[in-house]
C-alpha cells in the first residue's frame, strides 16, 4: 500500500503545476480575445459575437469530456497494473467520472426532450 501512496504523491506533485499552467493559459487566451475584440470595435469593425451554447450542448460537452477522461484514466492505470497489481484499485476510481459523464449525457437528452415537448 505504501507504493501506491508514493505513486499518488508523484502524480499530484506533477499534476498541480500543470493544471495551474492550463488555468493561466485559458485566462491569458480569453484576455487576448477580449483585447482583440475591443481593438476591432474601436476601429469600427463589426465583430460577430460567438453564440452561447445551449444547456443541452453544454451537458453533452461535459459528458464527452468526463467519459473520455475516465476511459483514459482507467487505461492508464490498467497499463500500470500489468507491473504493479495494486494499481487496479486506482483504476476502479475511473468509474466516478465515467458515471458523472453518463449523467451529463442523460441530462442533455432530457433537456432536448423537454424542449421538443414545449414546442
PDB file of N, CA and C in Angstrom:
ATOM      1  N   UNK A   1       0.824  -1.197   0.000  1.00  0.00           N
ATOM      2  CA  UNK A   1       0.000   0.000   0.000  1.00  0.00           C
ATOM      3  C   UNK A   1       0.862   1.253   0.000  1.00  0.00           C
ATOM      4  N   UNK A   2       2.071   1.163   0.555  1.00  0.00           N
ATOM      5  CA  UNK A   2       2.969   2.308   0.588  1.00  0.00           C
ATOM      6  C   UNK A   2       3.426   2.719  -0.799  1.00  0.00           C
ATOM      7  N   UNK A   3       3.518   1.735  -1.722  1.00  0.00           N
ATOM      8  CA  UNK A   3       3.939   2.053  -3.082  1.00  0.00           C
ATOM      9  C   UNK A   3       2.910   2.917  -3.796  1.00  0.00           C
ATOM     10  N   UNK A   4       1.647   2.649  -3.593  1.00  0.00           N
ATOM     11  CA  UNK A   4       0.608   3.438  -4.250  1.00  0.00           C
ATOM     12  C   UNK A   4       0.567   4.847  -3.678  1.00  0.00           C
ATOM     13  N   UNK A   5       0.916   4.998  -2.404  1.00  0.00           N
ATOM     14  CA  UNK A   5       0.968   6.330  -1.800  1.00  0.00           C
ATOM     15  C   UNK A   5       2.066   7.149  -2.456  1.00  0.00           C
ATOM     16  N   UNK A   6       3.207   6.530  -2.695  1.00  0.00           N
ATOM     17  CA  UNK A   6       4.292   7.226  -3.380  1.00  0.00           C
ATOM     18  C   UNK A   6       3.905   7.605  -4.796  1.00  0.00           C
ATOM     19  N   UNK A   7       3.218   6.710  -5.486  1.00  0.00           N
ATOM     20  CA  UNK A   7       2.756   6.990  -6.841  1.00  0.00           C
ATOM     21  C   UNK A   7       1.780   8.166  -6.842  1.00  0.00           C
ATOM     22  N   UNK A   8       0.848   8.152  -5.896  1.00  0.00           N
ATOM     23  CA  UNK A   8      -0.121   9.249  -5.812  1.00  0.00           C
ATOM     24  C   UNK A   8       0.576  10.566  -5.506  1.00  0.00           C
ATOM     25  N   UNK A   9       1.580  10.542  -4.651  1.00  0.00           N
ATOM     26  CA  UNK A   9       2.311  11.766  -4.318  1.00  0.00           C
ATOM     27  C   UNK A   9       3.037  12.320  -5.542  1.00  0.00           C
ATOM     28  N   UNK A  10       3.648  11.449  -6.320  1.00  0.00           N
ATOM     29  CA  UNK A  10       4.365  11.898  -7.517  1.00  0.00           C
ATOM     30  C   UNK A  10       3.388  12.451  -8.553  1.00  0.00           C
ATOM     31  N   UNK A  11       2.254  11.769  -8.735  1.00  0.00           N
ATOM     32  CA  UNK A  11       1.250  12.244  -9.688  1.00  0.00           C
ATOM     33  C   UNK A  11       0.733  13.611  -9.276  1.00  0.00           C
ATOM     34  N   UNK A  12       0.436  13.796  -8.002  1.00  0.00           N
ATOM     35  CA  UNK A  12      -0.045  15.093  -7.519  1.00  0.00           C
ATOM     36  C   UNK A  12       1.025  16.166  -7.654  1.00  0.00           C
ATOM     37  N   UNK A  13       2.256  15.804  -7.379  1.00  0.00           N
ATOM     38  CA  UNK A  13       3.357  16.761  -7.456  1.00  0.00           C
ATOM     39  C   UNK A  13       3.488  17.333  -8.860  1.00  0.00           C
ATOM     40  N   UNK A  14       3.308  16.498  -9.864  1.00  0.00           N
ATOM     41  CA  UNK A  14       3.453  16.959 -11.240  1.00  0.00           C
ATOM     42  C   UNK A  14       2.154  17.498 -11.837  1.00  0.00           C
ATOM     43  N   UNK A  15       1.008  17.044 -11.352  1.00  0.00           N
ATOM     44  CA  UNK A  15      -0.247  17.471 -11.964  1.00  0.00           C
ATOM     45  C   UNK A  15      -0.706  18.845 -11.499  1.00  0.00           C
ATOM     46  N   UNK A  16      -0.418  19.213 -10.262  1.00  0.00           N
ATOM     47  CA  UNK A  16      -0.872  20.514  -9.763  1.00  0.00           C
ATOM     48  C   UNK A  16      -0.256  21.665 -10.560  1.00  0.00           C
ATOM     49  N   UNK A  17       1.055  21.695 -10.821  1.00  0.00           N
ATOM     50  CA  UNK A  17       1.592  22.782 -11.642  1.00  0.00           C
ATOM     51  C   UNK A  17       1.054  22.768 -13.075  1.00  0.00           C
ATOM     52  N   UNK A  18       0.819  21.597 -13.632  1.00  0.00           N
ATOM     53  CA  UNK A  18       0.298  21.510 -14.997  1.00  0.00           C
ATOM     54  C   UNK A  18      -1.107  22.098 -15.061  1.00  0.00           C
ATOM     55  N   UNK A  19      -1.935  21.811 -14.072  1.00  0.00           N
ATOM     56  CA  UNK A  19      -3.286  22.375 -14.026  1.00  0.00           C
ATOM     57  C   UNK A  19      -3.200  23.895 -13.865  1.00  0.00           C
ATOM     58  N   UNK A  20      -2.294  24.366 -13.019  1.00  0.00           N
ATOM     59  CA  UNK A  20      -2.117  25.812 -12.841  1.00  0.00           C
ATOM     60  C   UNK A  20      -1.723  26.499 -14.134  1.00  0.00           C
ATOM     61  N   UNK A  21      -0.812  25.892 -14.877  1.00  0.00           N
ATOM     62  CA  UNK A  21      -0.397  26.455 -16.165  1.00  0.00           C
ATOM     63  C   UNK A  21      -1.573  26.465 -17.141  1.00  0.00           C
ATOM     64  N   UNK A  22      -2.378  25.419 -17.128  1.00  0.00           N
ATOM     65  CA  UNK A  22      -3.544  25.358 -18.005  1.00  0.00           C
ATOM     66  C   UNK A  22      -4.566  26.439 -17.681  1.00  0.00           C
ATOM     67  N   UNK A  23      -4.812  26.668 -16.394  1.00  0.00           N
ATOM     68  CA  UNK A  23      -5.759  27.704 -15.992  1.00  0.00           C
ATOM     69  C   UNK A  23      -5.238  29.075 -16.398  1.00  0.00           C
ATOM     70  N   UNK A  24      -3.951  29.324 -16.169  1.00  0.00           N
ATOM     71  CA  UNK A  24      -3.367  30.603 -16.568  1.00  0.00           C
ATOM     72  C   UNK A  24      -3.433  30.769 -18.085  1.00  0.00           C
ATOM     73  N   UNK A  25      -3.170  29.721 -18.830  1.00  0.00           N
ATOM     74  CA  UNK A  25      -3.245  29.786 -20.289  1.00  0.00           C
ATOM     75  C   UNK A  25      -4.650  30.113 -20.761  1.00  0.00           C
ATOM     76  N   UNK A  26      -5.648  29.509 -20.145  1.00  0.00           N
ATOM     77  CA  UNK A  26      -7.039  29.799 -20.505  1.00  0.00           C
ATOM     78  C   UNK A  26      -7.361  31.264 -20.228  1.00  0.00           C
ATOM     79  N   UNK A  27      -6.926  31.753 -19.054  1.00  0.00           N
ATOM     80  CA  UNK A  27      -7.156  33.158 -18.697  1.00  0.00           C
ATOM     81  C   UNK A  27      -6.486  34.081 -19.698  1.00  0.00           C
ATOM     82  N   UNK A  28      -5.259  33.779 -20.065  1.00  0.00           N
ATOM     83  CA  UNK A  28      -4.490  34.645 -20.978  1.00  0.00           C
ATOM     84  C   UNK A  28      -5.117  34.678 -22.374  1.00  0.00           C
ATOM     85  N   UNK A  29      -5.524  33.530 -22.880  1.00  0.00           N
ATOM     86  CA  UNK A  29      -6.155  33.475 -24.202  1.00  0.00           C
ATOM     87  C   UNK A  29      -7.480  34.235 -24.184  1.00  0.00           C
ATOM     88  N   UNK A  30      -8.252  34.077 -23.121  1.00  0.00           N
ATOM     89  CA  UNK A  30      -9.508  34.798 -23.002  1.00  0.00           C
ATOM     90  C   UNK A  30      -9.271  36.303 -22.976  1.00  0.00           C
ATOM     91  N   UNK A  31      -8.254  36.733 -22.248  1.00  0.00           N
ATOM     92  CA  UNK A  31      -7.921  38.157 -22.174  1.00  0.00           C
ATOM     93  C   UNK A  31      -7.490  38.686 -23.545  1.00  0.00           C
ATOM     94  N   UNK A  32      -6.685  37.917 -24.270  1.00  0.00           N
ATOM     95  CA  UNK A  32      -6.250  38.338 -25.604  1.00  0.00           C
ATOM     96  C   UNK A  32      -7.425  38.445 -26.574  1.00  0.00           C
ATOM     97  N   UNK A  33      -8.376  37.509 -26.495  1.00  0.00           N
ATOM     98  CA  UNK A  33      -9.565  37.569 -27.354  1.00  0.00           C
ATOM     99  C   UNK A  33     -10.373  38.830 -27.057  1.00  0.00           C
ATOM    100  N   UNK A  34     -10.503  39.149 -25.776  1.00  0.00           N
ATOM    101  CA  UNK A  34     -11.250  40.341 -25.393  1.00  0.00           C
ATOM    102  C   UNK A  34     -10.559  41.600 -25.902  1.00  0.00           C
ATOM    103  N   UNK A  35      -9.241  41.671 -25.734  1.00  0.00           N
ATOM    104  CA  UNK A  35      -8.494  42.836 -26.215  1.00  0.00           C
ATOM    105  C   UNK A  35      -8.593  42.968 -27.731  1.00  0.00           C
ATOM    106  N   UNK A  36      -8.526  41.858 -28.434  1.00  0.00           N
ATOM    107  CA  UNK A  36      -8.634  41.874 -29.890  1.00  0.00           C
ATOM    108  C   UNK A  36     -10.016  42.369 -30.324  1.00  0.00           C
ATOM    109  N   UNK A  37     -11.036  41.891 -29.650  1.00  0.00           N
ATOM    110  CA  UNK A  37     -12.401  42.296 -29.965  1.00  0.00           C
ATOM    111  C   UNK A  37     -12.595  43.794 -29.699  1.00  0.00           C
ATOM    112  N   UNK A  38     -12.063  44.295 -28.576  1.00  0.00           N
ATOM    113  CA  UNK A  38     -12.183  45.717 -28.249  1.00  0.00           C
ATOM    114  C   UNK A  38     -11.427  46.584 -29.248  1.00  0.00           C
ATOM    115  N   UNK A  39     -10.242  46.145 -29.680  1.00  0.00           N
ATOM    116  CA  UNK A  39      -9.466  46.901 -30.663  1.00  0.00           C
ATOM    117  C   UNK A  39     -10.205  46.966 -31.999  1.00  0.00           C
ATOM    118  N   UNK A  40     -10.834  45.867 -32.390  1.00  0.00           N
ATOM    119  CA  UNK A  40     -11.590  45.853 -33.643  1.00  0.00           C
ATOM    120  C   UNK A  40     -12.799  46.777 -33.549  1.00  0.00           C
ATOM    121  N   UNK A  41     -13.464  46.775 -32.413  1.00  0.00           N
ATOM    122  CA  UNK A  41     -14.610  47.661 -32.232  1.00  0.00           C
ATOM    123  C   UNK A  41     -14.185  49.128 -32.234  1.00  0.00           C
ATOM    124  N   UNK A  42     -13.012  49.428 -31.677  1.00  0.00           N
ATOM    125  CA  UNK A  42     -12.504  50.803 -31.651  1.00  0.00           C
ATOM    126  C   UNK A  42     -12.221  51.305 -33.068  1.00  0.00           C
ATOM    127  N   UNK A  43     -11.836  50.408 -33.969  1.00  0.00           N
ATOM    128  CA  UNK A  43     -11.581  50.787 -35.365  1.00  0.00           C
ATOM    129  C   UNK A  43     -12.853  50.811 -36.196  1.00  0.00           C
ATOM    130  N   UNK A  44     -13.956  50.419 -35.607  1.00  0.00           N
ATOM    131  CA  UNK A  44     -15.229  50.445 -36.316  1.00  0.00           C
ATOM    132  C   UNK A  44     -15.546  49.173 -37.069  1.00  0.00           C
ATOM    133  N   UNK A  45     -14.817  48.113 -36.822  1.00  0.00           N
ATOM    134  CA  UNK A  45     -15.065  46.833 -37.494  1.00  0.00           C
ATOM    135  C   UNK A  45     -16.187  46.107 -36.754  1.00  0.00           C
ATOM    136  N   UNK A  46     -17.125  45.567 -37.506  1.00  0.00           N
ATOM    137  CA  UNK A  46     -18.215  44.807 -36.909  1.00  0.00           C
ATOM    138  C   UNK A  46     -17.696  43.424 -36.535  1.00  0.00           C
ATOM    139  N   UNK A  47     -17.713  43.109 -35.245  1.00  0.00           N
ATOM    140  CA  UNK A  47     -17.203  41.829 -34.752  1.00  0.00           C
ATOM    141  C   UNK A  47     -18.390  40.957 -34.367  1.00  0.00           C
ATOM    142  N   UNK A  48     -18.560  39.799 -35.030  1.00  0.00           N
ATOM    143  CA  UNK A  48     -19.677  38.923 -34.659  1.00  0.00           C
ATOM    144  C   UNK A  48     -19.401  38.267 -33.305  1.00  0.00           C
ATOM    145  N   UNK A  49     -20.417  38.228 -32.473  1.00  0.00           N
ATOM    146  CA  UNK A  49     -20.287  37.581 -31.160  1.00  0.00           C
ATOM    147  C   UNK A  49     -20.480  36.077 -31.334  1.00  0.00           C
ATOM    148  N   UNK A  50     -19.736  35.311 -30.557  1.00  0.00           N
ATOM    149  CA  UNK A  50     -19.875  33.861 -30.612  1.00  0.00           C
ATOM    150  C   UNK A  50     -21.185  33.464 -29.938  1.00  0.00           C
ATOM    151  N   UNK A  51     -21.942  32.572 -30.557  1.00  0.00           N
ATOM    152  CA  UNK A  51     -23.225  32.192 -29.960  1.00  0.00           C
ATOM    153  C   UNK A  51     -23.015  31.421 -28.657  1.00  0.00           C
ATOM    154  N   UNK A  52     -23.905  31.652 -27.718  1.00  0.00           N
ATOM    155  CA  UNK A  52     -23.883  30.940 -26.435  1.00  0.00           C
ATOM    156  C   UNK A  52     -24.391  29.516 -26.663  1.00  0.00           C
ATOM    157  N   UNK A  53     -23.717  28.545 -26.059  1.00  0.00           N
ATOM    158  CA  UNK A  53     -24.149  27.150 -26.194  1.00  0.00           C
ATOM    159  C   UNK A  53     -25.416  26.923 -25.377  1.00  0.00           C
ATOM    160  N   UNK A  54     -26.278  26.067 -25.887  1.00  0.00           N
ATOM    161  CA  UNK A  54     -27.489  25.725 -25.153  1.00  0.00           C
ATOM    162  C   UNK A  54     -27.123  24.835 -23.965  1.00  0.00           C
ATOM    163  N   UNK A  55     -28.084  24.673 -23.053  1.00  0.00           N
ATOM    164  CA  UNK A  55     -27.843  23.830 -21.887  1.00  0.00           C
ATOM    165  C   UNK A  55     -27.589  22.384 -22.309  1.00  0.00           C
ATOM    166  N   UNK A  56     -28.302  21.917 -23.328  1.00  0.00           N
ATOM    167  CA  UNK A  56     -28.097  20.552 -23.811  1.00  0.00           C
ATOM    168  C   UNK A  56     -26.695  20.387 -24.387  1.00  0.00           C
ATOM    169  N   UNK A  57     -26.220  21.397 -25.123  1.00  0.00           N
ATOM    170  CA  UNK A  57     -24.880  21.312 -25.712  1.00  0.00           C
ATOM    171  C   UNK A  57     -23.803  21.345 -24.632  1.00  0.00           C
ATOM    172  N   UNK A  58     -24.006  22.157 -23.598  1.00  0.00           N
ATOM    173  CA  UNK A  58     -23.026  22.201 -22.502  1.00  0.00           C
ATOM    174  C   UNK A  58     -22.984  20.866 -21.767  1.00  0.00           C
ATOM    175  N   UNK A  59     -24.151  20.270 -21.518  1.00  0.00           N
ATOM    176  CA  UNK A  59     -24.189  18.970 -20.845  1.00  0.00           C
ATOM    177  C   UNK A  59     -23.539  17.886 -21.700  1.00  0.00           C
ATOM    178  N   UNK A  60     -23.810  17.935 -23.009  1.00  0.00           N
ATOM    179  CA  UNK A  60     -23.218  16.941 -23.912  1.00  0.00           C
ATOM    180  C   UNK A  60     -21.701  17.084 -23.929  1.00  0.00           C
ATOM    181  N   UNK A  61     -21.198  18.330 -23.988  1.00  0.00           N
ATOM    182  CA  UNK A  61     -19.753  18.557 -23.984  1.00  0.00           C
ATOM    183  C   UNK A  61     -19.121  18.050 -22.687  1.00  0.00           C
ATOM    184  N   UNK A  62     -19.754  18.353 -21.546  1.00  0.00           N
ATOM    185  CA  UNK A  62     -19.224  17.892 -20.263  1.00  0.00           C
ATOM    186  C   UNK A  62     -19.233  16.361 -20.201  1.00  0.00           C
ATOM    187  N   UNK A  63     -20.281  15.747 -20.729  1.00  0.00           N
ATOM    188  CA  UNK A  63     -20.351  14.282 -20.747  1.00  0.00           C
ATOM    189  C   UNK A  63     -19.252  13.671 -21.583  1.00  0.00           C
ATOM    190  N   UNK A  64     -19.001  14.239 -22.753  1.00  0.00           N
ATOM    191  CA  UNK A  64     -17.941  13.727 -23.627  1.00  0.00           C
ATOM    192  C   UNK A  64     -16.592  13.842 -22.937  1.00  0.00           C
ATOM    193  N   UNK A  65     -16.324  14.998 -22.328  1.00  0.00           N
ATOM    194  CA  UNK A  65     -15.028  15.203 -21.671  1.00  0.00           C
ATOM    195  C   UNK A  65     -14.842  14.270 -20.477  1.00  0.00           C
ATOM    196  N   UNK A  66     -15.878  14.123 -19.660  1.00  0.00           N
ATOM    197  CA  UNK A  66     -15.747  13.269 -18.479  1.00  0.00           C
ATOM    198  C   UNK A  66     -15.612  11.794 -18.843  1.00  0.00           C
ATOM    199  N   UNK A  67     -16.408  11.333 -19.788  1.00  0.00           N
ATOM    200  CA  UNK A  67     -16.328   9.919 -20.177  1.00  0.00           C
ATOM    201  C   UNK A  67     -14.980   9.619 -20.823  1.00  0.00           C
ATOM    202  N   UNK A  68     -14.515  10.498 -21.703  1.00  0.00           N
ATOM    203  CA  UNK A  68     -13.221  10.235 -22.340  1.00  0.00           C
ATOM    204  C   UNK A  68     -12.071  10.331 -21.336  1.00  0.00           C
ATOM    205  N   UNK A  69     -12.155  11.259 -20.384  1.00  0.00           N
ATOM    206  CA  UNK A  69     -11.117  11.347 -19.349  1.00  0.00           C
ATOM    207  C   UNK A  69     -11.125  10.091 -18.476  1.00  0.00           C
ATOM    208  N   UNK A  70     -12.316   9.595 -18.139  1.00  0.00           N
ATOM    209  CA  UNK A  70     -12.414   8.385 -17.325  1.00  0.00           C
ATOM    210  C   UNK A  70     -11.841   7.183 -18.057  1.00  0.00           C
ATOM    211  N   UNK A  71     -12.119   7.081 -19.335  1.00  0.00           N
ATOM    212  CA  UNK A  71     -11.578   5.961 -20.115  1.00  0.00           C
ATOM    213  C   UNK A  71     -10.054   6.045 -20.172  1.00  0.00           C
ATOM    214  N   UNK A  72      -9.526   7.242 -20.404  1.00  0.00           N
ATOM    215  CA  UNK A  72      -8.069   7.410 -20.408  1.00  0.00           C
ATOM    216  C   UNK A  72      -7.448   7.092 -19.065  1.00  0.00           C
ATOM    217  N   UNK A  73      -8.095   7.507 -17.990  1.00  0.00           N
ATOM    218  CA  UNK A  73      -7.620   7.235 -16.629  1.00  0.00           C
ATOM    219  C   UNK A  73      -7.573   5.731 -16.369  1.00  0.00           C
ATOM    220  N   UNK A  74      -8.654   5.041 -16.719  1.00  0.00           N
ATOM    221  CA  UNK A  74      -8.702   3.592 -16.483  1.00  0.00           C
ATOM    222  C   UNK A  74      -7.662   2.878 -17.343  1.00  0.00           C
ATOM    223  N   UNK A  75      -7.496   3.273 -18.588  1.00  0.00           N
ATOM    224  CA  UNK A  75      -6.497   2.641 -19.453  1.00  0.00           C
ATOM    225  C   UNK A  75      -5.095   2.848 -18.890  1.00  0.00           C
ATOM    226  N   UNK A  76      -4.818   4.061 -18.409  1.00  0.00           N
ATOM    227  CA  UNK A  76      -3.500   4.344 -17.838  1.00  0.00           C
ATOM    228  C   UNK A  76      -3.206   3.427 -16.655  1.00  0.00           C
ATOM    229  N   UNK A  77      -4.144   3.340 -15.716  1.00  0.00           N
ATOM    230  CA  UNK A  77      -3.890   2.517 -14.542  1.00  0.00           C
ATOM    231  C   UNK A  77      -3.988   1.026 -14.853  1.00  0.00           C
ATOM    232  N   UNK A  78      -4.681   0.650 -15.915  1.00  0.00           N
ATOM    233  CA  UNK A  78      -4.681  -0.751 -16.340  1.00  0.00           C
ATOM    234  C   UNK A  78      -3.303  -1.132 -16.858  1.00  0.00           C
ATOM    235  N   UNK A  79      -2.683  -0.229 -17.611  1.00  0.00           N
ATOM    236  CA  UNK A  79      -1.322  -0.497 -18.088  1.00  0.00           C
ATOM    237  C   UNK A  79      -0.324  -0.548 -16.934  1.00  0.00           C
ATOM    238  N   UNK A  80      -0.504   0.329 -15.946  1.00  0.00           N
ATOM    239  CA  UNK A  80       0.369   0.299 -14.773  1.00  0.00           C
ATOM    240  C   UNK A  80       0.150  -0.982 -13.985  1.00  0.00           C
ATOM    241  N   UNK A  81      -1.096  -1.476 -13.972  1.00  0.00           N
ATOM    242  CA  UNK A  81      -1.414  -2.690 -13.203  1.00  0.00           C
ATOM    243  C   UNK A  81      -0.744  -3.928 -13.773  1.00  0.00           C
ATOM    244  N   UNK A  82      -0.271  -3.873 -15.008  1.00  0.00           N
ATOM    245  CA  UNK A  82       0.462  -5.015 -15.559  1.00  0.00           C
ATOM    246  C   UNK A  82       1.768  -5.224 -14.805  1.00  0.00           C
ATOM    247  N   UNK A  83       2.310  -4.115 -14.249  1.00  0.00           N
ATOM    248  CA  UNK A  83       3.561  -4.191 -13.493  1.00  0.00           C
ATOM    249  C   UNK A  83       3.290  -4.186 -11.993  1.00  0.00           C
ATOM    250  N   UNK A  84       2.346  -3.357 -11.573  1.00  0.00           N
ATOM    251  CA  UNK A  84       2.012  -3.195 -10.148  1.00  0.00           C
ATOM    252  C   UNK A  84       0.542  -3.542  -9.940  1.00  0.00           C
ATOM    253  N   UNK A  85       0.245  -4.746  -9.423  1.00  0.00           N
ATOM    254  CA  UNK A  85      -1.152  -5.193  -9.298  1.00  0.00           C
ATOM    255  C   UNK A  85      -2.028  -4.289  -8.424  1.00  0.00           C
ATOM    256  N   UNK A  86      -1.448  -3.540  -7.500  1.00  0.00           N
ATOM    257  CA  UNK A  86      -2.252  -2.667  -6.650  1.00  0.00           C
ATOM    258  C   UNK A  86      -2.857  -1.498  -7.426  1.00  0.00           C
ATOM    259  N   UNK A  87      -2.408  -1.262  -8.630  1.00  0.00           N
ATOM    260  CA  UNK A  87      -2.940  -0.154  -9.427  1.00  0.00           C
ATOM    261  C   UNK A  87      -4.386  -0.404  -9.860  1.00  0.00           C
ATOM    262  N   UNK A  88      -4.857  -1.651  -9.749  1.00  0.00           N
ATOM    263  CA  UNK A  88      -6.261  -1.922 -10.084  1.00  0.00           C
ATOM    264  C   UNK A  88      -7.187  -1.140  -9.168  1.00  0.00           C
ATOM    265  N   UNK A  89      -6.759  -0.903  -7.937  1.00  0.00           N
ATOM    266  CA  UNK A  89      -7.576  -0.125  -7.010  1.00  0.00           C
ATOM    267  C   UNK A  89      -7.739   1.295  -7.543  1.00  0.00           C
ATOM    268  N   UNK A  90      -6.649   1.870  -8.005  1.00  0.00           N
ATOM    269  CA  UNK A  90      -6.705   3.224  -8.557  1.00  0.00           C
ATOM    270  C   UNK A  90      -7.525   3.245  -9.844  1.00  0.00           C
ATOM    271  N   UNK A  91      -7.414   2.208 -10.668  1.00  0.00           N
ATOM    272  CA  UNK A  91      -8.168   2.158 -11.927  1.00  0.00           C
ATOM    273  C   UNK A  91      -9.670   2.136 -11.667  1.00  0.00           C
ATOM    274  N   UNK A  92     -10.075   1.522 -10.565  1.00  0.00           N
ATOM    275  CA  UNK A  92     -11.509   1.441 -10.272  1.00  0.00           C
ATOM    276  C   UNK A  92     -12.114   2.812  -9.986  1.00  0.00           C
ATOM    277  N   UNK A  93     -11.301   3.775  -9.576  1.00  0.00           N
ATOM    278  CA  UNK A  93     -11.822   5.117  -9.322  1.00  0.00           C
ATOM    279  C   UNK A  93     -12.214   5.836 -10.615  1.00  0.00           C
ATOM    280  N   UNK A  94     -11.864   5.295 -11.753  1.00  0.00           N
ATOM    281  CA  UNK A  94     -12.302   5.851 -13.027  1.00  0.00           C
ATOM    282  C   UNK A  94     -13.801   5.738 -13.222  1.00  0.00           C
ATOM    283  N   UNK A  95     -14.453   4.900 -12.418  1.00  0.00           N
ATOM    284  CA  UNK A  95     -15.908   4.765 -12.509  1.00  0.00           C
ATOM    285  C   UNK A  95     -16.620   6.045 -12.087  1.00  0.00           C
ATOM    286  N   UNK A  96     -15.989   6.837 -11.227  1.00  0.00           N
ATOM    287  CA  UNK A  96     -16.645   8.057 -10.740  1.00  0.00           C
ATOM    288  C   UNK A  96     -16.840   9.070 -11.866  1.00  0.00           C
ATOM    289  N   UNK A  97     -15.774   9.528 -12.552  1.00  0.00           N
ATOM    290  CA  UNK A  97     -16.035  10.489 -13.639  1.00  0.00           C
ATOM    291  C   UNK A  97     -16.825   9.868 -14.787  1.00  0.00           C
ATOM    292  N   UNK A  98     -16.701   8.550 -14.976  1.00  0.00           N
ATOM    293  CA  UNK A  98     -17.458   7.889 -16.031  1.00  0.00           C
ATOM    294  C   UNK A  98     -18.954   8.001 -15.780  1.00  0.00           C
ATOM    295  N   UNK A  99     -19.390   7.704 -14.550  1.00  0.00           N
ATOM    296  CA  UNK A  99     -20.816   7.771 -14.252  1.00  0.00           C
ATOM    297  C   UNK A  99     -21.319   9.211 -14.216  1.00  0.00           C
ATOM    298  N   UNK A 100     -20.484  10.154 -13.783  1.00  0.00           N
ATOM    299  CA  UNK A 100     -20.890  11.564 -13.833  1.00  0.00           C
ATOM    300  C   UNK A 100     -21.067  11.988 -15.293  1.00  0.00           C
ATOM    301  N   UNK A 101     -20.169  11.548 -16.165  1.00  0.00           N
ATOM    302  CA  UNK A 101     -20.295  11.847 -17.591  1.00  0.00           C
ATOM    303  C   UNK A 101     -21.565  11.256 -18.179  1.00  0.00           C
ATOM    304  N   UNK A 102     -21.904  10.034 -17.781  1.00  0.00           N
ATOM    305  CA  UNK A 102     -23.162   9.437 -18.237  1.00  0.00           C
ATOM    306  C   UNK A 102     -24.353  10.246 -17.741  1.00  0.00           C
ATOM    307  N   UNK A 103     -24.248  10.790 -16.525  1.00  0.00           N
ATOM    308  CA  UNK A 103     -25.307  11.654 -16.007  1.00  0.00           C
ATOM    309  C   UNK A 103     -25.467  12.912 -16.849  1.00  0.00           C
ATOM    310  N   UNK A 104     -24.364  13.478 -17.319  1.00  0.00           N
ATOM    311  CA  UNK A 104     -24.443  14.648 -18.189  1.00  0.00           C
ATOM    312  C   UNK A 104     -25.098  14.289 -19.531  1.00  0.00           C
ATOM    313  N   UNK A 105     -24.781  13.107 -20.061  1.00  0.00           N
ATOM    314  CA  UNK A 105     -25.446  12.665 -21.293  1.00  0.00           C
ATOM    315  C   UNK A 105     -26.948  12.523 -21.077  1.00  0.00           C
ATOM    316  N   UNK A 106     -27.339  11.955 -19.934  1.00  0.00           N
ATOM    317  CA  UNK A 106     -28.758  11.819 -19.607  1.00  0.00           C
ATOM    318  C   UNK A 106     -29.412  13.192 -19.485  1.00  0.00           C
ATOM    319  N   UNK A 107     -28.726  14.136 -18.830  1.00  0.00           N
ATOM    320  CA  UNK A 107     -29.251  15.495 -18.701  1.00  0.00           C
ATOM    321  C   UNK A 107     -29.442  16.138 -20.072  1.00  0.00           C
ATOM    322  N   UNK A 108     -28.484  15.954 -20.955  1.00  0.00           N
ATOM    323  CA  UNK A 108     -28.585  16.505 -22.301  1.00  0.00           C
ATOM    324  C   UNK A 108     -29.808  15.943 -23.028  1.00  0.00           C
ATOM    325  N   UNK A 109     -30.009  14.656 -22.909  1.00  0.00           N
ATOM    326  CA  UNK A 109     -31.151  14.009 -23.554  1.00  0.00           C
ATOM    327  C   UNK A 109     -32.472  14.521 -22.982  1.00  0.00           C
ATOM    328  N   UNK A 110     -32.542  14.664 -21.657  1.00  0.00           N
ATOM    329  CA  UNK A 110     -33.782  15.130 -21.040  1.00  0.00           C
ATOM    330  C   UNK A 110     -34.079  16.586 -21.391  1.00  0.00           C
ATOM    331  N   UNK A 111     -33.048  17.416 -21.469  1.00  0.00           N
ATOM    332  CA  UNK A 111     -33.255  18.821 -21.839  1.00  0.00           C
ATOM    333  C   UNK A 111     -33.773  18.913 -23.270  1.00  0.00           C
ATOM    334  N   UNK A 112     -33.180  18.141 -24.181  1.00  0.00           N
ATOM    335  CA  UNK A 112     -33.666  18.148 -25.568  1.00  0.00           C
ATOM    336  C   UNK A 112     -35.113  17.656 -25.658  1.00  0.00           C
ATOM    337  N   UNK A 113     -35.442  16.627 -24.891  1.00  0.00           N
ATOM    338  CA  UNK A 113     -36.806  16.100 -24.905  1.00  0.00           C
ATOM    339  C   UNK A 113     -37.799  17.133 -24.366  1.00  0.00           C
ATOM    340  N   UNK A 114     -37.387  17.845 -23.291  1.00  0.00           N
ATOM    341  CA  UNK A 114     -38.271  18.874 -22.725  1.00  0.00           C
ATOM    342  C   UNK A 114     -38.467  20.022 -23.715  1.00  0.00           C
ATOM    343  N   UNK A 115     -37.403  20.383 -24.433  1.00  0.00           N
ATOM    344  CA  UNK A 115     -37.534  21.459 -25.417  1.00  0.00           C
ATOM    345  C   UNK A 115     -38.462  21.065 -26.558  1.00  0.00           C
ATOM    346  N   UNK A 116     -38.394  19.806 -26.997  1.00  0.00           N
ATOM    347  CA  UNK A 116     -39.274  19.338 -28.065  1.00  0.00           C
ATOM    348  C   UNK A 116     -40.716  19.265 -27.583  1.00  0.00           C
ATOM    349  N   UNK A 117     -40.924  18.908 -26.304  1.00  0.00           N
ATOM    350  CA  UNK A 117     -42.270  18.790 -25.773  1.00  0.00           C
ATOM    351  C   UNK A 117     -42.919  20.151 -25.599  1.00  0.00           C
ATOM    352  N   UNK A 118     -42.118  21.192 -25.334  1.00  0.00           N
ATOM    353  CA  UNK A 118     -42.695  22.522 -25.100  1.00  0.00           C
ATOM    354  C   UNK A 118     -42.968  23.272 -26.399  1.00  0.00           C
ATOM    355  N   UNK A 119     -42.473  22.760 -27.523  1.00  0.00           N
ATOM    356  CA  UNK A 119     -42.694  23.435 -28.815  1.00  0.00           C
ATOM    357  C   UNK A 119     -43.977  23.001 -29.445  1.00  0.00           C
TER     358      UNK A 119
END
